[in-house]
């Protein structure tokens, strides 16, 4: 099978910034990116995109597998409360999540989608 590996996990996070907090989001995102580069072992993609007026952002993430996402969350966990305070946030995780990742996402605003078909 070519394309995305079955165990790969993808994430999409959407941020709509609270008034005056985009600078704080950018500062925290830079810190998060440094951690991803230095500590994450299974992060394949971690990119941040802004709309034209920078009132919203989308973060695209790809991880080798559920364990890699769990590792990432452990590495940046101390920043999450502050990051989430900068915006209204929604998101999705796409892939075959293991039990640990499912437990971590339970009760959160993040929706989990399992694959149906891929090429």
PDB file of N, CA and C in Angstrom:
ATOM      1  N   UNK A   1       0.837  -1.179   0.000  1.00  0.00           N
ATOM      2  CA  UNK A   1       0.000   0.000   0.000  1.00  0.00           C
ATOM      3  C   UNK A   1       0.879   1.239   0.000  1.00  0.00           C
ATOM      4  N   UNK A   2       0.648   2.143  -0.923  1.00  0.00           N
ATOM      5  CA  UNK A   2       1.382   3.395  -0.962  1.00  0.00           C
ATOM      6  C   UNK A   2       0.550   4.472  -0.292  1.00  0.00           C
ATOM      7  N   UNK A   3       1.144   5.645  -0.078  1.00  0.00           N
ATOM      8  CA  UNK A   3       0.428   6.742   0.559  1.00  0.00           C
ATOM      9  C   UNK A   3       0.649   6.717   2.061  1.00  0.00           C
ATOM     10  N   UNK A   4      -0.346   7.160   2.786  1.00  0.00           N
ATOM     11  CA  UNK A   4      -0.247   7.286   4.239  1.00  0.00           C
ATOM     12  C   UNK A   4      -0.246   5.910   4.878  1.00  0.00           C
ATOM     13  N   UNK A   5       0.705   5.680   5.762  1.00  0.00           N
ATOM     14  CA  UNK A   5       0.767   4.414   6.488  1.00  0.00           C
ATOM     15  C   UNK A   5      -0.449   4.298   7.404  1.00  0.00           C
ATOM     16  N   UNK A   6      -0.912   3.072   7.602  1.00  0.00           N
ATOM     17  CA  UNK A   6      -2.109   2.833   8.397  1.00  0.00           C
ATOM     18  C   UNK A   6      -1.945   3.352   9.816  1.00  0.00           C
ATOM     19  N   UNK A   7      -0.762   3.251  10.382  1.00  0.00           N
ATOM     20  CA  UNK A   7      -0.565   3.662  11.762  1.00  0.00           C
ATOM     21  C   UNK A   7      -0.361   5.170  11.919  1.00  0.00           C
ATOM     22  N   UNK A   8      -0.179   5.900  10.837  1.00  0.00           N
ATOM     23  CA  UNK A   8       0.075   7.337  10.915  1.00  0.00           C
ATOM     24  C   UNK A   8      -1.132   8.073  11.480  1.00  0.00           C
ATOM     25  N   UNK A   9      -0.858   9.071  12.307  1.00  0.00           N
ATOM     26  CA  UNK A   9      -1.888   9.912  12.909  1.00  0.00           C
ATOM     27  C   UNK A   9      -1.722  11.323  12.364  1.00  0.00           C
ATOM     28  N   UNK A  10      -2.842  11.936  11.972  1.00  0.00           N
ATOM     29  CA  UNK A  10      -2.828  13.313  11.495  1.00  0.00           C
ATOM     30  C   UNK A  10      -3.697  14.153  12.410  1.00  0.00           C
ATOM     31  N   UNK A  11      -3.330  15.398  12.577  1.00  0.00           N
ATOM     32  CA  UNK A  11      -4.109  16.304  13.407  1.00  0.00           C
ATOM     33  C   UNK A  11      -4.348  17.618  12.706  1.00  0.00           C
ATOM     34  N   UNK A  12      -5.527  18.179  12.943  1.00  0.00           N
ATOM     35  CA  UNK A  12      -5.883  19.497  12.431  1.00  0.00           C
ATOM     36  C   UNK A  12      -6.444  20.276  13.612  1.00  0.00           C
ATOM     37  N   UNK A  13      -5.788  21.378  13.952  1.00  0.00           N
ATOM     38  CA  UNK A  13      -6.282  22.235  15.025  1.00  0.00           C
ATOM     39  C   UNK A  13      -6.619  23.597  14.431  1.00  0.00           C
ATOM     40  N   UNK A  14      -7.779  24.118  14.808  1.00  0.00           N
ATOM     41  CA  UNK A  14      -8.236  25.418  14.306  1.00  0.00           C
ATOM     42  C   UNK A  14      -8.316  26.393  15.475  1.00  0.00           C
ATOM     43  N   UNK A  15      -7.738  27.570  15.287  1.00  0.00           N
ATOM     44  CA  UNK A  15      -7.702  28.599  16.325  1.00  0.00           C
ATOM     45  C   UNK A  15      -8.378  29.862  15.812  1.00  0.00           C
ATOM     46  N   UNK A  16      -9.283  30.417  16.583  1.00  0.00           N
ATOM     47  CA  UNK A  16      -9.866  31.741  16.322  1.00  0.00           C
ATOM     48  C   UNK A  16      -9.467  32.598  17.521  1.00  0.00           C
ATOM     49  N   UNK A  17      -8.565  33.564  17.295  1.00  0.00           N
ATOM     50  CA  UNK A  17      -7.899  34.261  18.380  1.00  0.00           C
ATOM     51  C   UNK A  17      -8.796  35.230  19.132  1.00  0.00           C
ATOM     52  N   UNK A  18      -8.585  35.268  20.449  1.00  0.00           N
ATOM     53  CA  UNK A  18      -9.217  36.275  21.292  1.00  0.00           C
ATOM     54  C   UNK A  18      -8.490  37.601  21.040  1.00  0.00           C
ATOM     55  N   UNK A  19      -9.216  38.686  21.175  1.00  0.00           N
ATOM     56  CA  UNK A  19      -8.680  40.025  20.911  1.00  0.00           C
ATOM     57  C   UNK A  19      -7.351  40.246  21.641  1.00  0.00           C
ATOM     58  N   UNK A  20      -6.340  40.641  20.874  1.00  0.00           N
ATOM     59  CA  UNK A  20      -5.054  41.022  21.440  1.00  0.00           C
ATOM     60  C   UNK A  20      -4.138  39.879  21.840  1.00  0.00           C
ATOM     61  N   UNK A  21      -4.500  38.615  21.543  1.00  0.00           N
ATOM     62  CA  UNK A  21      -3.696  37.491  22.021  1.00  0.00           C
ATOM     63  C   UNK A  21      -2.915  36.757  20.939  1.00  0.00           C
ATOM     64  N   UNK A  22      -2.935  37.254  19.710  1.00  0.00           N
ATOM     65  CA  UNK A  22      -2.191  36.570  18.660  1.00  0.00           C
ATOM     66  C   UNK A  22      -0.681  36.598  18.934  1.00  0.00           C
ATOM     67  N   UNK A  23      -0.184  37.681  19.482  1.00  0.00           N
ATOM     68  CA  UNK A  23       1.241  37.759  19.806  1.00  0.00           C
ATOM     69  C   UNK A  23       1.641  36.699  20.814  1.00  0.00           C
ATOM     70  N   UNK A  24       0.798  36.473  21.803  1.00  0.00           N
ATOM     71  CA  UNK A  24       1.072  35.435  22.792  1.00  0.00           C
ATOM     72  C   UNK A  24       1.018  34.053  22.141  1.00  0.00           C
ATOM     73  N   UNK A  25       0.058  33.845  21.240  1.00  0.00           N
ATOM     74  CA  UNK A  25      -0.014  32.577  20.515  1.00  0.00           C
ATOM     75  C   UNK A  25       1.267  32.339  19.721  1.00  0.00           C
ATOM     76  N   UNK A  26       1.735  33.362  19.019  1.00  0.00           N
ATOM     77  CA  UNK A  26       2.958  33.225  18.219  1.00  0.00           C
ATOM     78  C   UNK A  26       4.166  32.921  19.106  1.00  0.00           C
ATOM     79  N   UNK A  27       4.268  33.596  20.250  1.00  0.00           N
ATOM     80  CA  UNK A  27       5.384  33.352  21.167  1.00  0.00           C
ATOM     81  C   UNK A  27       5.355  31.910  21.671  1.00  0.00           C
ATOM     82  N   UNK A  28       4.182  31.450  22.097  1.00  0.00           N
ATOM     83  CA  UNK A  28       4.049  30.081  22.586  1.00  0.00           C
ATOM     84  C   UNK A  28       4.278  29.064  21.476  1.00  0.00           C
ATOM     85  N   UNK A  29       3.832  29.383  20.264  1.00  0.00           N
ATOM     86  CA  UNK A  29       4.022  28.486  19.131  1.00  0.00           C
ATOM     87  C   UNK A  29       5.499  28.333  18.787  1.00  0.00           C
ATOM     88  N   UNK A  30       6.257  29.409  18.887  1.00  0.00           N
ATOM     89  CA  UNK A  30       7.704  29.323  18.649  1.00  0.00           C
ATOM     90  C   UNK A  30       8.359  28.412  19.683  1.00  0.00           C
ATOM     91  N   UNK A  31       7.943  28.543  20.932  1.00  0.00           N
ATOM     92  CA  UNK A  31       8.470  27.680  21.983  1.00  0.00           C
ATOM     93  C   UNK A  31       8.089  26.219  21.721  1.00  0.00           C
ATOM     94  N   UNK A  32       6.861  26.014  21.313  1.00  0.00           N
ATOM     95  CA  UNK A  32       6.385  24.668  20.989  1.00  0.00           C
ATOM     96  C   UNK A  32       7.187  24.081  19.832  1.00  0.00           C
ATOM     97  N   UNK A  33       7.430  24.862  18.804  1.00  0.00           N
ATOM     98  CA  UNK A  33       8.180  24.396  17.637  1.00  0.00           C
ATOM     99  C   UNK A  33       9.601  23.997  18.020  1.00  0.00           C
ATOM    100  N   UNK A  34      10.226  24.758  18.906  1.00  0.00           N
ATOM    101  CA  UNK A  34      11.573  24.410  19.375  1.00  0.00           C
ATOM    102  C   UNK A  34      11.557  23.060  20.085  1.00  0.00           C
ATOM    103  N   UNK A  35      10.544  22.819  20.887  1.00  0.00           N
ATOM    104  CA  UNK A  35      10.420  21.543  21.598  1.00  0.00           C
ATOM    105  C   UNK A  35      10.212  20.407  20.604  1.00  0.00           C
ATOM    106  N   UNK A  36       9.352  20.622  19.622  1.00  0.00           N
ATOM    107  CA  UNK A  36       9.092  19.599  18.600  1.00  0.00           C
ATOM    108  C   UNK A  36      10.394  19.215  17.906  1.00  0.00           C
ATOM    109  N   UNK A  37      11.164  20.209  17.512  1.00  0.00           N
ATOM    110  CA  UNK A  37      12.432  19.939  16.805  1.00  0.00           C
ATOM    111  C   UNK A  37      13.451  19.236  17.689  1.00  0.00           C
ATOM    112  N   UNK A  38      13.486  19.587  18.966  1.00  0.00           N
ATOM    113  CA  UNK A  38      14.521  19.069  19.862  1.00  0.00           C
ATOM    114  C   UNK A  38      14.163  17.741  20.514  1.00  0.00           C
ATOM    115  N   UNK A  39      12.879  17.501  20.796  1.00  0.00           N
ATOM    116  CA  UNK A  39      12.513  16.352  21.617  1.00  0.00           C
ATOM    117  C   UNK A  39      11.646  15.302  20.930  1.00  0.00           C
ATOM    118  N   UNK A  40      10.750  15.728  20.043  1.00  0.00           N
ATOM    119  CA  UNK A  40       9.841  14.764  19.420  1.00  0.00           C
ATOM    120  C   UNK A  40      10.616  13.816  18.509  1.00  0.00           C
ATOM    121  N   UNK A  41      10.353  12.531  18.634  1.00  0.00           N
ATOM    122  CA  UNK A  41      11.048  11.553  17.787  1.00  0.00           C
ATOM    123  C   UNK A  41      10.180  11.023  16.654  1.00  0.00           C
ATOM    124  N   UNK A  42       8.870  11.223  16.730  1.00  0.00           N
ATOM    125  CA  UNK A  42       7.989  10.678  15.712  1.00  0.00           C
ATOM    126  C   UNK A  42       7.086  11.692  15.046  1.00  0.00           C
ATOM    127  N   UNK A  43       7.418  12.984  15.186  1.00  0.00           N
ATOM    128  CA  UNK A  43       6.628  14.017  14.523  1.00  0.00           C
ATOM    129  C   UNK A  43       7.129  14.155  13.089  1.00  0.00           C
ATOM    130  N   UNK A  44       6.211  13.973  12.139  1.00  0.00           N
ATOM    131  CA  UNK A  44       6.557  14.025  10.716  1.00  0.00           C
ATOM    132  C   UNK A  44       6.271  15.390  10.101  1.00  0.00           C
ATOM    133  N   UNK A  45       5.285  16.101  10.643  1.00  0.00           N
ATOM    134  CA  UNK A  45       4.898  17.406  10.118  1.00  0.00           C
ATOM    135  C   UNK A  45       4.296  18.207  11.255  1.00  0.00           C
ATOM    136  N   UNK A  46       4.668  19.477  11.342  1.00  0.00           N
ATOM    137  CA  UNK A  46       4.103  20.379  12.342  1.00  0.00           C
ATOM    138  C   UNK A  46       4.186  21.773  11.743  1.00  0.00           C
ATOM    139  N   UNK A  47       3.079  22.238  11.163  1.00  0.00           N
ATOM    140  CA  UNK A  47       3.071  23.498  10.424  1.00  0.00           C
ATOM    141  C   UNK A  47       1.907  24.360  10.874  1.00  0.00           C
ATOM    142  N   UNK A  48       2.128  25.681  10.908  1.00  0.00           N
ATOM    143  CA  UNK A  48       1.112  26.631  11.336  1.00  0.00           C
ATOM    144  C   UNK A  48       0.824  27.586  10.178  1.00  0.00           C
ATOM    145  N   UNK A  49      -0.465  27.783   9.898  1.00  0.00           N
ATOM    146  CA  UNK A  49      -0.914  28.649   8.814  1.00  0.00           C
ATOM    147  C   UNK A  49      -1.872  29.702   9.373  1.00  0.00           C
ATOM    148  N   UNK A  50      -1.738  30.955   8.911  1.00  0.00           N
ATOM    149  CA  UNK A  50      -2.625  32.041   9.320  1.00  0.00           C
ATOM    150  C   UNK A  50      -3.473  32.506   8.137  1.00  0.00           C
ATOM    151  N   UNK A  51      -4.696  32.966   8.432  1.00  0.00           N
ATOM    152  CA  UNK A  51      -5.500  33.598   7.390  1.00  0.00           C
ATOM    153  C   UNK A  51      -4.956  35.010   7.147  1.00  0.00           C
ATOM    154  N   UNK A  52      -5.532  35.713   6.172  1.00  0.00           N
ATOM    155  CA  UNK A  52      -4.981  37.009   5.750  1.00  0.00           C
ATOM    156  C   UNK A  52      -4.901  38.040   6.871  1.00  0.00           C
ATOM    157  N   UNK A  53      -5.924  38.136   7.711  1.00  0.00           N
ATOM    158  CA  UNK A  53      -5.896  39.156   8.769  1.00  0.00           C
ATOM    159  C   UNK A  53      -5.347  38.616  10.096  1.00  0.00           C
ATOM    160  N   UNK A  54      -4.859  37.401  10.090  1.00  0.00           N
ATOM    161  CA  UNK A  54      -4.269  36.737  11.251  1.00  0.00           C
ATOM    162  C   UNK A  54      -5.222  36.671  12.447  1.00  0.00           C
ATOM    163  N   UNK A  55      -6.503  36.525  12.151  1.00  0.00           N
ATOM    164  CA  UNK A  55      -7.482  36.326  13.217  1.00  0.00           C
ATOM    165  C   UNK A  55      -7.706  34.841  13.486  1.00  0.00           C
ATOM    166  N   UNK A  56      -7.220  34.004  12.564  1.00  0.00           N
ATOM    167  CA  UNK A  56      -7.376  32.563  12.694  1.00  0.00           C
ATOM    168  C   UNK A  56      -6.107  31.856  12.228  1.00  0.00           C
ATOM    169  N   UNK A  57      -5.931  30.642  12.746  1.00  0.00           N
ATOM    170  CA  UNK A  57      -4.797  29.814  12.323  1.00  0.00           C
ATOM    171  C   UNK A  57      -5.238  28.364  12.265  1.00  0.00           C
ATOM    172  N   UNK A  58      -4.527  27.613  11.452  1.00  0.00           N
ATOM    173  CA  UNK A  58      -4.684  26.165  11.387  1.00  0.00           C
ATOM    174  C   UNK A  58      -3.311  25.552  11.620  1.00  0.00           C
ATOM    175  N   UNK A  59      -3.272  24.549  12.488  1.00  0.00           N
ATOM    176  CA  UNK A  59      -2.045  23.797  12.729  1.00  0.00           C
ATOM    177  C   UNK A  59      -2.243  22.409  12.131  1.00  0.00           C
ATOM    178  N   UNK A  60      -1.364  22.030  11.210  1.00  0.00           N
ATOM    179  CA  UNK A  60      -1.389  20.697  10.607  1.00  0.00           C
ATOM    180  C   UNK A  60      -0.276  19.877  11.229  1.00  0.00           C
ATOM    181  N   UNK A  61      -0.639  18.664  11.669  1.00  0.00           N
ATOM    182  CA  UNK A  61       0.316  17.802  12.354  1.00  0.00           C
ATOM    183  C   UNK A  61       0.234  16.392  11.778  1.00  0.00           C
ATOM    184  N   UNK A  62       1.374  15.730  11.691  1.00  0.00           N
ATOM    185  CA  UNK A  62       1.432  14.313  11.310  1.00  0.00           C
ATOM    186  C   UNK A  62       2.412  13.618  12.227  1.00  0.00           C
ATOM    187  N   UNK A  63       2.020  12.435  12.665  1.00  0.00           N
ATOM    188  CA  UNK A  63       2.849  11.656  13.581  1.00  0.00           C
ATOM    189  C   UNK A  63       2.993  10.241  13.048  1.00  0.00           C
ATOM    190  N   UNK A  64       4.117   9.645  13.339  1.00  0.00           N
ATOM    191  CA  UNK A  64       4.414   8.281  12.897  1.00  0.00           C
ATOM    192  C   UNK A  64       3.315   7.315  13.338  1.00  0.00           C
ATOM    193  N   UNK A  65       2.811   7.489  14.559  1.00  0.00           N
ATOM    194  CA  UNK A  65       1.794   6.598  15.114  1.00  0.00           C
ATOM    195  C   UNK A  65       1.240   7.233  16.387  1.00  0.00           C
ATOM    196  N   UNK A  66       0.335   6.543  17.060  1.00  0.00           N
ATOM    197  CA  UNK A  66      -0.268   7.061  18.288  1.00  0.00           C
ATOM    198  C   UNK A  66       0.776   7.363  19.349  1.00  0.00           C
ATOM    199  N   UNK A  67       1.776   6.490  19.475  1.00  0.00           N
ATOM    200  CA  UNK A  67       2.814   6.688  20.485  1.00  0.00           C
ATOM    201  C   UNK A  67       3.564   7.997  20.260  1.00  0.00           C
ATOM    202  N   UNK A  68       3.773   8.355  19.005  1.00  0.00           N
ATOM    203  CA  UNK A  68       4.472   9.605  18.692  1.00  0.00           C
ATOM    204  C   UNK A  68       3.634  10.816  19.097  1.00  0.00           C
ATOM    205  N   UNK A  69       2.319  10.750  18.903  1.00  0.00           N
ATOM    206  CA  UNK A  69       1.453  11.856  19.329  1.00  0.00           C
ATOM    207  C   UNK A  69       1.411  11.938  20.850  1.00  0.00           C
ATOM    208  N   UNK A  70       1.341  10.803  21.532  1.00  0.00           N
ATOM    209  CA  UNK A  70       1.368  10.795  22.996  1.00  0.00           C
ATOM    210  C   UNK A  70       2.675  11.427  23.490  1.00  0.00           C
ATOM    211  N   UNK A  71       3.803  11.080  22.856  1.00  0.00           N
ATOM    212  CA  UNK A  71       5.087  11.674  23.214  1.00  0.00           C
ATOM    213  C   UNK A  71       5.056  13.189  23.017  1.00  0.00           C
ATOM    214  N   UNK A  72       4.538  13.635  21.876  1.00  0.00           N
ATOM    215  CA  UNK A  72       4.446  15.069  21.587  1.00  0.00           C
ATOM    216  C   UNK A  72       3.634  15.780  22.660  1.00  0.00           C
ATOM    217  N   UNK A  73       2.489  15.220  23.014  1.00  0.00           N
ATOM    218  CA  UNK A  73       1.638  15.846  24.025  1.00  0.00           C
ATOM    219  C   UNK A  73       2.345  15.929  25.376  1.00  0.00           C
ATOM    220  N   UNK A  74       3.134  14.926  25.696  1.00  0.00           N
ATOM    221  CA  UNK A  74       3.911  14.964  26.937  1.00  0.00           C
ATOM    222  C   UNK A  74       4.979  16.056  26.867  1.00  0.00           C
ATOM    223  N   UNK A  75       5.602  16.214  25.711  1.00  0.00           N
ATOM    224  CA  UNK A  75       6.673  17.200  25.557  1.00  0.00           C
ATOM    225  C   UNK A  75       6.171  18.642  25.625  1.00  0.00           C
ATOM    226  N   UNK A  76       4.989  18.902  25.081  1.00  0.00           N
ATOM    227  CA  UNK A  76       4.467  20.278  25.036  1.00  0.00           C
ATOM    228  C   UNK A  76       3.321  20.511  26.014  1.00  0.00           C
ATOM    229  N   UNK A  77       2.989  19.519  26.792  1.00  0.00           N
ATOM    230  CA  UNK A  77       1.842  19.608  27.691  1.00  0.00           C
ATOM    231  C   UNK A  77       1.845  20.814  28.602  1.00  0.00           C
ATOM    232  N   UNK A  78       3.028  21.219  29.076  1.00  0.00           N
ATOM    233  CA  UNK A  78       3.108  22.362  29.981  1.00  0.00           C
ATOM    234  C   UNK A  78       2.728  23.683  29.304  1.00  0.00           C
ATOM    235  N   UNK A  79       2.659  23.720  27.976  1.00  0.00           N
ATOM    236  CA  UNK A  79       2.288  24.926  27.239  1.00  0.00           C
ATOM    237  C   UNK A  79       0.812  24.952  26.842  1.00  0.00           C
ATOM    238  N   UNK A  80       0.139  23.815  26.941  1.00  0.00           N
ATOM    239  CA  UNK A  80      -1.199  23.701  26.361  1.00  0.00           C
ATOM    240  C   UNK A  80      -2.225  24.646  26.985  1.00  0.00           C
ATOM    241  N   UNK A  81      -2.245  24.772  28.288  1.00  0.00           N
ATOM    242  CA  UNK A  81      -3.227  25.654  28.921  1.00  0.00           C
ATOM    243  C   UNK A  81      -3.076  27.084  28.422  1.00  0.00           C
ATOM    244  N   UNK A  82      -1.841  27.560  28.349  1.00  0.00           N
ATOM    245  CA  UNK A  82      -1.584  28.924  27.878  1.00  0.00           C
ATOM    246  C   UNK A  82      -1.948  29.087  26.402  1.00  0.00           C
ATOM    247  N   UNK A  83      -1.621  28.093  25.586  1.00  0.00           N
ATOM    248  CA  UNK A  83      -1.966  28.162  24.161  1.00  0.00           C
ATOM    249  C   UNK A  83      -3.476  28.189  23.981  1.00  0.00           C
ATOM    250  N   UNK A  84      -4.176  27.306  24.677  1.00  0.00           N
ATOM    251  CA  UNK A  84      -5.637  27.229  24.545  1.00  0.00           C
ATOM    252  C   UNK A  84      -6.326  28.482  25.066  1.00  0.00           C
ATOM    253  N   UNK A  85      -5.675  29.242  25.931  1.00  0.00           N
ATOM    254  CA  UNK A  85      -6.255  30.481  26.454  1.00  0.00           C
ATOM    255  C   UNK A  85      -6.211  31.622  25.442  1.00  0.00           C
ATOM    256  N   UNK A  86      -5.466  31.470  24.343  1.00  0.00           N
ATOM    257  CA  UNK A  86      -5.331  32.543  23.355  1.00  0.00           C
ATOM    258  C   UNK A  86      -6.457  32.563  22.332  1.00  0.00           C
ATOM    259  N   UNK A  87      -7.264  31.496  22.270  1.00  0.00           N
ATOM    260  CA  UNK A  87      -8.213  31.380  21.163  1.00  0.00           C
ATOM    261  C   UNK A  87      -9.340  30.409  21.488  1.00  0.00           C
ATOM    262  N   UNK A  88     -10.377  30.461  20.669  1.00  0.00           N
ATOM    263  CA  UNK A  88     -11.362  29.390  20.628  1.00  0.00           C
ATOM    264  C   UNK A  88     -10.749  28.313  19.752  1.00  0.00           C
ATOM    265  N   UNK A  89     -10.777  27.074  20.217  1.00  0.00           N
ATOM    266  CA  UNK A  89     -10.052  26.012  19.536  1.00  0.00           C
ATOM    267  C   UNK A  89     -10.976  24.839  19.241  1.00  0.00           C
ATOM    268  N   UNK A  90     -10.804  24.269  18.057  1.00  0.00           N
ATOM    269  CA  UNK A  90     -11.459  23.008  17.707  1.00  0.00           C
ATOM    270  C   UNK A  90     -10.442  22.185  16.940  1.00  0.00           C
ATOM    271  N   UNK A  91     -10.692  20.885  16.849  1.00  0.00           N
ATOM    272  CA  UNK A  91      -9.738  20.080  16.111  1.00  0.00           C
ATOM    273  C   UNK A  91     -10.178  18.657  15.909  1.00  0.00           C
ATOM    274  N   UNK A  92      -9.432  17.991  15.052  1.00  0.00           N
ATOM    275  CA  UNK A  92      -9.675  16.592  14.733  1.00  0.00           C
ATOM    276  C   UNK A  92      -8.360  15.837  14.743  1.00  0.00           C
ATOM    277  N   UNK A  93      -8.437  14.578  15.133  1.00  0.00           N
ATOM    278  CA  UNK A  93      -7.334  13.644  15.008  1.00  0.00           C
ATOM    279  C   UNK A  93      -7.805  12.550  14.073  1.00  0.00           C
ATOM    280  N   UNK A  94      -6.998  12.244  13.064  1.00  0.00           N
ATOM    281  CA  UNK A  94      -7.358  11.279  12.038  1.00  0.00           C
ATOM    282  C   UNK A  94      -6.408  10.102  12.099  1.00  0.00           C
ATOM    283  N   UNK A  95      -6.956   8.884  12.202  1.00  0.00           N
ATOM    284  CA  UNK A  95      -6.111   7.697  12.199  1.00  0.00           C
ATOM    285  C   UNK A  95      -6.580   6.659  13.193  1.00  0.00           C
ATOM    286  N   UNK A  96      -5.832   5.581  13.252  1.00  0.00           N
ATOM    287  CA  UNK A  96      -6.116   4.480  14.179  1.00  0.00           C
ATOM    288  C   UNK A  96      -5.450   4.777  15.523  1.00  0.00           C
ATOM    289  N   UNK A  97      -6.203   5.361  16.434  1.00  0.00           N
ATOM    290  CA  UNK A  97      -5.653   5.731  17.737  1.00  0.00           C
ATOM    291  C   UNK A  97      -5.591   4.512  18.654  1.00  0.00           C
ATOM    292  N   UNK A  98      -4.482   4.396  19.381  1.00  0.00           N
ATOM    293  CA  UNK A  98      -4.381   3.320  20.350  1.00  0.00           C
ATOM    294  C   UNK A  98      -5.181   3.679  21.608  1.00  0.00           C
ATOM    295  N   UNK A  99      -5.260   2.764  22.555  1.00  0.00           N
ATOM    296  CA  UNK A  99      -6.075   2.961  23.756  1.00  0.00           C
ATOM    297  C   UNK A  99      -5.591   4.162  24.569  1.00  0.00           C
ATOM    298  N   UNK A 100      -4.274   4.341  24.671  1.00  0.00           N
ATOM    299  CA  UNK A 100      -3.744   5.463  25.446  1.00  0.00           C
ATOM    300  C   UNK A 100      -4.146   6.798  24.839  1.00  0.00           C
ATOM    301  N   UNK A 101      -4.035   6.925  23.520  1.00  0.00           N
ATOM    302  CA  UNK A 101      -4.415   8.169  22.857  1.00  0.00           C
ATOM    303  C   UNK A 101      -5.923   8.393  22.963  1.00  0.00           C
ATOM    304  N   UNK A 102      -6.711   7.335  22.788  1.00  0.00           N
ATOM    305  CA  UNK A 102      -8.169   7.465  22.948  1.00  0.00           C
ATOM    306  C   UNK A 102      -8.521   7.979  24.337  1.00  0.00           C
ATOM    307  N   UNK A 103      -7.858   7.460  25.352  1.00  0.00           N
ATOM    308  CA  UNK A 103      -8.119   7.890  26.725  1.00  0.00           C
ATOM    309  C   UNK A 103      -7.737   9.359  26.917  1.00  0.00           C
ATOM    310  N   UNK A 104      -6.629   9.769  26.314  1.00  0.00           N
ATOM    311  CA  UNK A 104      -6.193  11.162  26.427  1.00  0.00           C
ATOM    312  C   UNK A 104      -7.177  12.122  25.767  1.00  0.00           C
ATOM    313  N   UNK A 105      -7.801  11.690  24.675  1.00  0.00           N
ATOM    314  CA  UNK A 105      -8.724  12.551  23.934  1.00  0.00           C
ATOM    315  C   UNK A 105     -10.139  12.520  24.497  1.00  0.00           C
ATOM    316  N   UNK A 106     -10.457  11.510  25.293  1.00  0.00           N
ATOM    317  CA  UNK A 106     -11.811  11.362  25.840  1.00  0.00           C
ATOM    318  C   UNK A 106     -12.180  12.609  26.649  1.00  0.00           C
ATOM    319  N   UNK A 107     -13.357  13.129  26.381  1.00  0.00           N
ATOM    320  CA  UNK A 107     -13.845  14.297  27.103  1.00  0.00           C
ATOM    321  C   UNK A 107     -13.294  15.625  26.620  1.00  0.00           C
ATOM    322  N   UNK A 108     -12.423  15.600  25.614  1.00  0.00           N
ATOM    323  CA  UNK A 108     -11.878  16.857  25.088  1.00  0.00           C
ATOM    324  C   UNK A 108     -12.730  17.331  23.917  1.00  0.00           C
ATOM    325  N   UNK A 109     -12.393  18.504  23.422  1.00  0.00           N
ATOM    326  CA  UNK A 109     -13.073  19.064  22.253  1.00  0.00           C
ATOM    327  C   UNK A 109     -12.555  18.469  20.946  1.00  0.00           C
ATOM    328  N   UNK A 110     -11.507  17.676  21.028  1.00  0.00           N
ATOM    329  CA  UNK A 110     -10.903  17.081  19.831  1.00  0.00           C
ATOM    330  C   UNK A 110     -11.718  15.855  19.423  1.00  0.00           C
ATOM    331  N   UNK A 111     -12.111  15.841  18.149  1.00  0.00           N
ATOM    332  CA  UNK A 111     -12.871  14.711  17.626  1.00  0.00           C
ATOM    333  C   UNK A 111     -11.934  13.725  16.948  1.00  0.00           C
ATOM    334  N   UNK A 112     -12.183  12.438  17.136  1.00  0.00           N
ATOM    335  CA  UNK A 112     -11.353  11.379  16.565  1.00  0.00           C
ATOM    336  C   UNK A 112     -12.080  10.752  15.383  1.00  0.00           C
ATOM    337  N   UNK A 113     -11.362  10.640  14.261  1.00  0.00           N
ATOM    338  CA  UNK A 113     -11.894  10.017  13.053  1.00  0.00           C
ATOM    339  C   UNK A 113     -11.007   8.827  12.675  1.00  0.00           C
ATOM    340  N   UNK A 114     -11.625   7.656  12.505  1.00  0.00           N
ATOM    341  CA  UNK A 114     -10.895   6.454  12.087  1.00  0.00           C
ATOM    342  C   UNK A 114     -10.966   6.343  10.562  1.00  0.00           C
ATOM    343  N   UNK A 115      -9.949   5.758   9.939  1.00  0.00           N
ATOM    344  CA  UNK A 115      -9.944   5.656   8.473  1.00  0.00           C
ATOM    345  C   UNK A 115     -11.004   4.704   7.957  1.00  0.00           C
ATOM    346  N   UNK A 116     -11.535   5.041   6.802  1.00  0.00           N
ATOM    347  CA  UNK A 116     -12.456   4.166   6.088  1.00  0.00           C
ATOM    348  C   UNK A 116     -11.741   3.537   4.900  1.00  0.00           C
ATOM    349  N   UNK A 117     -11.153   4.374   4.066  1.00  0.00           N
ATOM    350  CA  UNK A 117     -10.416   3.918   2.896  1.00  0.00           C
ATOM    351  C   UNK A 117      -9.228   4.826   2.671  1.00  0.00           C
ATOM    352  N   UNK A 118      -8.192   4.282   2.120  1.00  0.00           N
ATOM    353  CA  UNK A 118      -7.056   5.089   1.694  1.00  0.00           C
ATOM    354  C   UNK A 118      -6.424   4.411   0.497  1.00  0.00           C
ATOM    355  N   UNK A 119      -5.562   5.126  -0.179  1.00  0.00           N
ATOM    356  CA  UNK A 119      -4.908   4.537  -1.355  1.00  0.00           C
ATOM    357  C   UNK A 119      -3.489   4.204  -1.069  1.00  0.00           C
TER     358      UNK A 119
END
